[in-house]
Amino acid sequence: MSNNLREKEVLLTLNGLATYFPIKKGLFGKNTQYVKAVNNVDLTIYKGETLGLVGESGCGKTTLGKTILQLYKPTAGEMIYSFEDGPKNLANLSKEEMNVARQKMQIVFQDPQSSLNPAFTVYQSLSDPLKKFGIKSRKERRQIVGDLLEAVNMRREYMDRYPNEFSGGQRQRIGIARALCVNPELVICDEAVSALDVSIQAQVLNLLMKLKEERGLTYIFITHDLSVVEYISDRVAVMYLGRVVELAESEDLFANRLHPYTQALFSAIPVADINHNKKRIVLKGDVPSPANPPSGCHFHKRCFMCKEVCKEKEPELRRFEIDGKEHYVACHFAEENIKNA
């Protein structure tokens, strides 16, 4: 952990967070198994940082984000959020307290087309949250919506148009404006640029970084695009089958990849230099089912470093220090990988 992060305040702490979904079978719909979408996750999110959350499809990134927002109820664990009147577990809040918490936490969804109601104008979509949280004056709401549109580089008069009148990049800017309309502290960006063209992606990423500085925002940035993660993130958490398997500052993770899964993911990043001799690590097999994960290390069936201990014992997420920076990895051979890094 850098000195900058040590000085920062903790905004959210996840302790042993788990989210399971029951699989119902039989005539009476009895629970026979559970899909362990998020399984025993420990994370600390600091005020003002961007935490990148990466991994293959189905690794639990989106479920983790939606669990924090209480769109999914956690099965176990704690989510301790730092409110003005002290830290509270989001999982134990009353309905009234959760309404207050929802002002603090917002989400930008992946698909800007489906996340906006086509029957509502931009003003109607953005004014509903304002009305819910106490802005009763229509004139004041229009002023706020206009200011938000200008903040995301759009014209005020666009508030009276419908979503189908905009491009994909413009719709995503509207989605960002909607997330910001109640002045949140934490914004979860769920694949917020993956549906956009590359040139538009760059514009939206620069906008997010600008808004973060201007408004003191904290981001959890969920994506499968590692180039985007490197560009926008302060720290990166790598997830596999519902668990965090590696966590470090972005620069440190790109320089020292200690988990075999992280090494395989990063080897797939395209390199523009045709003379670059980067070796691609191809993973064998498919991602196991989260309803029936392998014993021991969940990654062992696909791992090129697998040994007998990996099949029998699940590795803990352990802390190491590399060049004075904290680096967490869940691998039995982390020390060996550090020596070879």
Protein backbone atom coordinates (compact mmCIF):
# COMPACT_ATOMS: atom_id res chain seq x y z
CA MET A 1 0.00 0.00 0.00
CA SER A 2 1.47 3.37 -0.98
CA ASN A 3 1.86 6.21 1.51
CA ASN A 4 -0.99 8.01 -0.29
CA LEU A 5 -3.37 5.13 0.41
CA ARG A 6 -2.19 4.81 4.01
CA GLU A 7 -3.22 8.42 4.56
CA LYS A 8 -6.67 7.92 3.03
CA GLU A 9 -9.81 7.20 4.99
CA VAL A 10 -11.57 3.87 4.68
CA LEU A 11 -14.95 4.23 2.96
CA LEU A 12 -16.10 0.59 2.81
CA THR A 13 -14.81 -2.65 4.32
CA LEU A 14 -15.98 -6.09 3.20
CA ASN A 15 -15.41 -8.91 5.70
CA GLY A 16 -16.08 -12.49 4.60
CA LEU A 17 -18.76 -11.35 2.16
CA ALA A 18 -20.70 -14.16 0.47
CA THR A 19 -23.67 -14.19 -1.90
CA TYR A 20 -25.24 -17.56 -2.73
CA PHE A 21 -28.19 -18.25 -5.01
CA PRO A 22 -30.27 -21.40 -4.33
CA ILE A 23 -30.82 -24.00 -7.03
CA LYS A 24 -34.34 -25.34 -6.56
CA LYS A 25 -35.15 -28.85 -7.76
CA GLY A 26 -38.04 -31.26 -7.54
CA LEU A 27 -41.79 -30.84 -7.39
CA PHE A 28 -41.74 -28.70 -4.24
CA GLY A 29 -38.74 -26.59 -5.24
CA LYS A 30 -36.40 -27.72 -2.49
CA ASN A 31 -32.96 -26.13 -2.23
CA THR A 32 -30.46 -28.84 -3.13
CA GLN A 33 -27.44 -26.70 -4.08
CA TYR A 34 -26.21 -23.13 -4.11
CA VAL A 35 -24.43 -21.09 -6.76
CA LYS A 36 -21.62 -19.46 -4.77
CA ALA A 37 -21.38 -16.29 -6.86
CA VAL A 38 -19.39 -14.39 -4.21
CA ASN A 39 -17.56 -16.45 -1.64
CA ASN A 40 -15.67 -15.10 1.40
CA VAL A 41 -14.46 -11.78 -0.04
CA ASP A 42 -12.37 -9.42 2.10
CA LEU A 43 -11.75 -5.96 0.62
CA THR A 44 -11.09 -2.43 1.79
CA ILE A 45 -12.12 0.52 -0.40
CA TYR A 46 -10.54 3.89 0.38
CA LYS A 47 -12.13 7.31 -0.14
CA GLY A 48 -11.11 8.88 -3.44
CA GLU A 49 -9.59 5.79 -5.05
CA THR A 50 -10.56 3.76 -8.10
CA LEU A 51 -10.55 0.03 -7.38
CA GLY A 52 -10.53 -2.07 -10.55
CA LEU A 53 -12.33 -5.41 -10.31
CA VAL A 54 -11.31 -7.85 -13.06
CA GLY A 55 -11.77 -11.47 -14.06
CA GLU A 56 -13.46 -13.70 -16.62
CA SER A 57 -17.22 -13.64 -17.17
CA GLY A 58 -18.98 -15.44 -14.33
CA CYS A 59 -16.28 -14.78 -11.72
CA GLY A 60 -18.66 -12.76 -9.49
CA LYS A 61 -17.62 -9.16 -10.25
CA THR A 62 -21.10 -7.83 -11.01
CA THR A 63 -22.71 -9.83 -8.19
CA LEU A 64 -20.22 -8.32 -5.75
CA GLY A 65 -21.10 -4.81 -6.93
CA LYS A 66 -24.84 -5.42 -6.72
CA THR A 67 -24.48 -6.99 -3.27
CA ILE A 68 -22.76 -3.83 -2.00
CA LEU A 69 -25.73 -1.84 -3.32
CA GLN A 70 -28.15 -4.31 -1.67
CA LEU A 71 -29.67 -5.24 -5.02
CA TYR A 72 -28.75 -8.76 -3.90
CA LYS A 73 -28.90 -9.72 -0.24
CA PRO A 74 -25.64 -11.17 1.11
CA THR A 75 -25.69 -14.70 2.47
CA ALA A 76 -22.92 -14.01 4.99
CA GLY A 77 -20.33 -11.45 5.97
CA GLU A 78 -20.24 -7.72 6.67
CA MET A 79 -20.19 -4.55 4.54
CA ILE A 80 -19.08 -1.76 6.88
CA TYR A 81 -19.71 1.67 5.34
CA SER A 82 -18.34 4.86 6.91
CA PHE A 83 -21.30 7.21 7.36
CA GLU A 84 -21.08 10.69 8.93
CA ASP A 85 -22.50 9.31 12.19
CA GLY A 86 -20.16 6.33 12.24
CA PRO A 87 -19.59 2.97 10.52
CA LYS A 88 -22.60 0.72 9.88
CA ASN A 89 -23.12 -2.71 8.33
CA LEU A 90 -25.11 -2.20 5.11
CA ALA A 91 -26.64 -5.67 5.50
CA ASN A 92 -28.32 -4.69 8.78
CA LEU A 93 -29.78 -1.30 7.84
CA SER A 94 -33.47 -0.53 8.19
CA LYS A 95 -35.45 0.58 5.14
CA GLU A 96 -35.12 4.26 6.16
CA GLU A 97 -31.38 3.90 6.76
CA MET A 98 -30.96 2.12 3.41
CA ASN A 99 -32.65 5.05 1.65
CA VAL A 100 -29.98 7.33 3.12
CA ALA A 101 -27.29 4.85 2.05
CA ARG A 102 -28.61 4.80 -1.52
CA GLN A 103 -27.80 8.49 -1.78
CA LYS A 104 -24.21 7.61 -0.96
CA MET A 105 -23.91 4.74 -3.47
CA GLN A 106 -24.91 4.68 -7.13
CA ILE A 107 -24.26 2.50 -10.19
CA VAL A 108 -23.53 3.06 -13.88
CA PHE A 109 -24.78 0.03 -15.81
CA GLN A 110 -23.13 -1.66 -18.77
CA ASP A 111 -25.83 -1.10 -21.38
CA PRO A 112 -26.92 2.55 -21.66
CA GLN A 113 -29.77 1.54 -23.99
CA SER A 114 -31.56 -0.78 -21.56
CA SER A 115 -30.77 1.20 -18.40
CA LEU A 116 -32.79 4.24 -19.57
CA ASN A 117 -36.58 4.11 -19.86
CA PRO A 118 -37.38 4.81 -23.55
CA ALA A 119 -40.74 6.37 -22.56
CA PHE A 120 -39.07 8.98 -20.31
CA THR A 121 -37.24 12.11 -21.37
CA VAL A 122 -33.77 12.67 -19.94
CA TYR A 123 -35.27 15.14 -17.47
CA GLN A 124 -37.86 12.62 -16.27
CA SER A 125 -35.22 9.90 -15.79
CA LEU A 126 -32.92 12.20 -13.80
CA SER A 127 -35.57 14.10 -11.85
CA ASP A 128 -37.19 11.03 -10.24
CA PRO A 129 -34.23 10.37 -7.88
CA LEU A 130 -34.09 14.09 -7.05
CA LYS A 131 -37.79 14.08 -6.16
CA LYS A 132 -37.35 10.96 -4.02
CA PHE A 133 -34.55 12.54 -2.05
CA GLY A 134 -36.31 15.81 -1.26
CA ILE A 135 -35.97 18.23 -4.21
CA LYS A 136 -39.66 19.18 -4.57
CA SER A 137 -39.33 22.29 -6.77
CA ARG A 138 -39.54 21.53 -10.50
CA LYS A 139 -37.50 24.64 -11.29
CA GLU A 140 -34.73 23.48 -8.96
CA ARG A 141 -34.78 19.98 -10.44
CA ARG A 142 -34.45 21.35 -13.97
CA GLN A 143 -31.54 23.50 -12.83
CA ILE A 144 -29.78 20.50 -11.29
CA VAL A 145 -30.41 18.25 -14.33
CA GLY A 146 -29.10 20.98 -16.66
CA ASP A 147 -25.97 21.41 -14.53
CA LEU A 148 -25.41 17.64 -14.55
CA LEU A 149 -25.71 17.43 -18.33
CA GLU A 150 -23.16 20.20 -18.69
CA ALA A 151 -20.90 18.37 -16.23
CA VAL A 152 -20.88 15.35 -18.58
CA ASN A 153 -20.26 17.58 -21.64
CA MET A 154 -23.83 17.68 -22.98
CA ARG A 155 -26.19 20.59 -23.64
CA ARG A 156 -28.82 21.63 -21.11
CA GLU A 157 -31.60 21.53 -23.70
CA TYR A 158 -31.01 17.79 -24.22
CA MET A 159 -32.99 17.15 -21.03
CA ASP A 160 -36.26 17.28 -23.00
CA ARG A 161 -35.20 14.63 -25.52
CA TYR A 162 -35.75 10.86 -25.39
CA PRO A 163 -32.99 8.20 -25.14
CA ASN A 164 -33.49 7.02 -28.76
CA GLU A 165 -32.37 10.48 -29.95
CA PHE A 166 -28.84 9.93 -28.66
CA SER A 167 -25.82 7.83 -29.61
CA GLY A 168 -24.50 5.06 -27.35
CA GLY A 169 -21.76 7.31 -25.97
CA GLN A 170 -24.26 10.09 -25.24
CA ARG A 171 -26.61 7.65 -23.50
CA GLN A 172 -23.78 6.45 -21.30
CA ARG A 173 -23.02 10.07 -20.36
CA ILE A 174 -26.68 10.42 -19.37
CA GLY A 175 -26.31 7.25 -17.27
CA ILE A 176 -23.31 8.81 -15.52
CA ALA A 177 -25.27 12.04 -14.95
CA ARG A 178 -28.13 10.03 -13.42
CA ALA A 179 -25.72 8.27 -11.06
CA LEU A 180 -24.35 11.66 -9.95
CA CYS A 181 -27.67 13.44 -9.48
CA VAL A 182 -27.94 12.64 -5.74
CA ASN A 183 -24.28 13.55 -5.02
CA PRO A 184 -23.01 10.04 -4.18
CA GLU A 185 -19.66 9.17 -2.60
CA LEU A 186 -19.28 5.72 -4.15
CA VAL A 187 -20.06 4.94 -7.80
CA ILE A 188 -19.96 1.34 -9.05
CA CYS A 189 -19.19 1.28 -12.78
CA ASP A 190 -20.34 -2.10 -14.10
CA GLU A 191 -18.65 -2.59 -17.49
CA ALA A 192 -19.46 1.09 -18.06
CA VAL A 193 -17.49 1.40 -21.31
CA SER A 194 -17.51 -2.13 -22.74
CA ALA A 195 -20.51 -1.48 -25.03
CA LEU A 196 -18.87 1.60 -26.58
CA ASP A 197 -16.51 2.10 -29.53
CA VAL A 198 -12.84 2.47 -28.56
CA SER A 199 -12.69 6.20 -29.34
CA ILE A 200 -15.86 6.82 -27.28
CA GLN A 201 -14.48 4.64 -24.47
CA ALA A 202 -11.52 7.00 -24.12
CA GLN A 203 -13.84 10.02 -23.89
CA VAL A 204 -16.02 8.40 -21.21
CA LEU A 205 -13.00 7.23 -19.19
CA ASN A 206 -11.49 10.72 -19.25
CA LEU A 207 -14.87 12.12 -18.19
CA LEU A 208 -15.07 9.67 -15.25
CA MET A 209 -11.56 10.63 -14.13
CA LYS A 210 -12.39 14.35 -14.39
CA LEU A 211 -15.61 13.93 -12.37
CA LYS A 212 -13.75 11.91 -9.76
CA GLU A 213 -11.32 14.76 -9.15
CA GLU A 214 -13.99 17.48 -9.21
CA ARG A 215 -16.49 15.71 -6.95
CA GLY A 216 -14.20 13.61 -4.74
CA LEU A 217 -15.78 10.35 -5.93
CA THR A 218 -14.74 6.79 -5.17
CA TYR A 219 -15.11 4.21 -7.95
CA ILE A 220 -15.37 0.44 -8.04
CA PHE A 221 -14.67 -0.16 -11.72
CA ILE A 222 -15.84 -3.59 -12.89
CA THR A 223 -14.46 -4.69 -16.25
CA HIS A 224 -12.85 -7.52 -18.20
CA ASP A 225 -10.70 -5.09 -20.22
CA LEU A 226 -7.28 -5.01 -18.59
CA SER A 227 -6.08 -2.07 -20.70
CA VAL A 228 -8.94 0.02 -19.28
CA VAL A 229 -8.06 -1.15 -15.75
CA GLU A 230 -4.44 -0.11 -16.16
CA TYR A 231 -5.52 3.34 -17.36
CA ILE A 232 -8.11 4.21 -14.71
CA SER A 233 -7.40 2.17 -11.55
CA ASP A 234 -5.35 2.97 -8.46
CA ARG A 235 -5.59 -0.62 -7.21
CA VAL A 236 -6.75 -3.83 -8.90
CA ALA A 237 -8.48 -6.88 -7.41
CA VAL A 238 -8.49 -10.05 -9.53
CA MET A 239 -11.47 -12.38 -8.98
CA TYR A 240 -11.84 -16.05 -9.83
CA LEU A 241 -14.93 -18.12 -9.07
CA GLY A 242 -16.29 -15.70 -6.47
CA ARG A 243 -13.02 -15.06 -4.64
CA VAL A 244 -10.30 -12.41 -4.75
CA VAL A 245 -7.08 -14.20 -5.74
CA GLU A 246 -4.78 -11.17 -6.10
CA LEU A 247 -4.87 -7.53 -5.00
CA ALA A 248 -2.28 -4.80 -5.45
CA GLU A 249 -1.73 -1.28 -6.68
CA SER A 250 -2.25 -1.09 -10.44
CA GLU A 251 1.36 -0.31 -11.31
CA ASP A 252 2.64 -3.04 -8.99
CA LEU A 253 0.21 -5.68 -10.33
CA PHE A 254 1.16 -5.00 -13.94
CA ALA A 255 4.84 -5.29 -13.00
CA ASN A 256 4.58 -8.30 -10.63
CA ARG A 257 1.82 -10.79 -11.41
CA LEU A 258 2.08 -13.44 -8.72
CA HIS A 259 -1.01 -15.61 -9.22
CA PRO A 260 -1.00 -18.00 -12.24
CA TYR A 261 -4.54 -16.89 -13.13
CA THR A 262 -3.48 -13.22 -13.19
CA GLN A 263 -0.46 -14.14 -15.32
CA ALA A 264 -2.73 -15.91 -17.83
CA LEU A 265 -5.19 -12.98 -17.96
CA PHE A 266 -2.47 -10.40 -18.51
CA SER A 267 -0.73 -12.48 -21.17
CA ALA A 268 -3.85 -12.01 -23.33
CA ILE A 269 -3.50 -8.19 -23.47
CA PRO A 270 -2.82 -7.23 -27.11
CA VAL A 271 0.59 -5.63 -27.79
CA ALA A 272 1.02 -3.22 -30.70
CA ASP A 273 4.73 -3.97 -31.19
CA ILE A 274 5.00 -6.81 -33.75
CA ASN A 275 8.56 -7.56 -32.57
CA HIS A 276 7.41 -8.09 -28.99
CA ASN A 277 7.92 -11.71 -27.94
CA LYS A 278 5.29 -11.91 -25.20
CA LYS A 279 4.34 -15.51 -24.42
CA ARG A 280 0.61 -16.20 -24.32
CA ILE A 281 -0.54 -18.46 -21.47
CA VAL A 282 -3.54 -20.45 -22.66
CA LEU A 283 -5.70 -21.80 -19.84
CA LYS A 284 -6.90 -25.37 -20.21
CA GLY A 285 -10.53 -26.32 -19.70
CA ASP A 286 -13.49 -24.14 -18.83
CA VAL A 287 -14.34 -22.12 -15.74
CA PRO A 288 -15.79 -24.59 -13.18
CA SER A 289 -19.37 -24.22 -12.04
CA PRO A 290 -19.73 -21.99 -8.95
CA ALA A 291 -22.41 -24.46 -7.83
CA ASN A 292 -19.80 -27.22 -7.65
CA PRO A 293 -16.34 -25.66 -7.29
CA PRO A 294 -13.23 -27.90 -7.22
CA SER A 295 -11.67 -28.89 -3.91
CA GLY A 296 -8.57 -27.11 -2.67
CA CYS A 297 -7.57 -24.18 -4.84
CA HIS A 298 -10.53 -23.53 -7.16
CA PHE A 299 -8.09 -22.75 -10.00
CA HIS A 300 -6.03 -25.95 -9.78
CA LYS A 301 -7.70 -27.81 -12.68
CA ARG A 302 -6.64 -25.06 -15.10
CA CYS A 303 -3.35 -24.07 -13.47
CA PHE A 304 0.02 -24.67 -15.18
CA MET A 305 1.73 -24.68 -11.74
CA CYS A 306 -0.63 -27.17 -10.07
CA LYS A 307 0.82 -29.60 -7.51
CA GLU A 308 -0.76 -32.04 -5.07
CA VAL A 309 -1.21 -29.46 -2.29
CA CYS A 310 -3.31 -27.30 -4.67
CA LYS A 311 -5.84 -30.11 -5.05
CA GLU A 312 -6.21 -30.64 -1.31
CA LYS A 313 -5.80 -27.29 0.46
CA GLU A 314 -7.43 -23.95 -0.32
CA PRO A 315 -4.85 -21.12 -0.26
CA GLU A 316 -5.53 -18.06 1.89
CA LEU A 317 -5.24 -14.49 0.58
CA ARG A 318 -1.87 -13.58 2.11
CA ARG A 319 -0.11 -10.24 2.43
CA PHE A 320 3.37 -9.73 0.99
CA GLU A 321 5.50 -6.61 0.69
CA ILE A 322 7.28 -5.96 -2.59
CA ASP A 323 9.45 -2.83 -2.90
CA GLY A 324 7.63 -1.38 0.11
CA LYS A 325 4.15 -1.94 -1.35
CA GLU A 326 1.44 -4.31 -0.12
CA HIS A 327 0.57 -7.17 -2.44
CA TYR A 328 -2.05 -9.81 -1.61
CA VAL A 329 -2.18 -13.18 -3.36
CA ALA A 330 -3.97 -16.50 -2.75
CA CYS A 331 -1.47 -19.07 -4.04
CA HIS A 332 0.55 -21.81 -2.33
CA PHE A 333 3.59 -20.85 -4.42
CA ALA A 334 3.47 -17.07 -3.98
CA GLU A 335 6.98 -16.93 -2.46
CA GLU A 336 8.38 -18.85 -5.42
CA ASN A 337 6.65 -16.51 -7.84
CA ILE A 338 8.02 -13.46 -5.97
CA LYS A 339 11.58 -14.80 -6.38
CA ASN A 340 11.00 -15.34 -10.10
CA ALA A 341 9.27 -11.96 -10.65
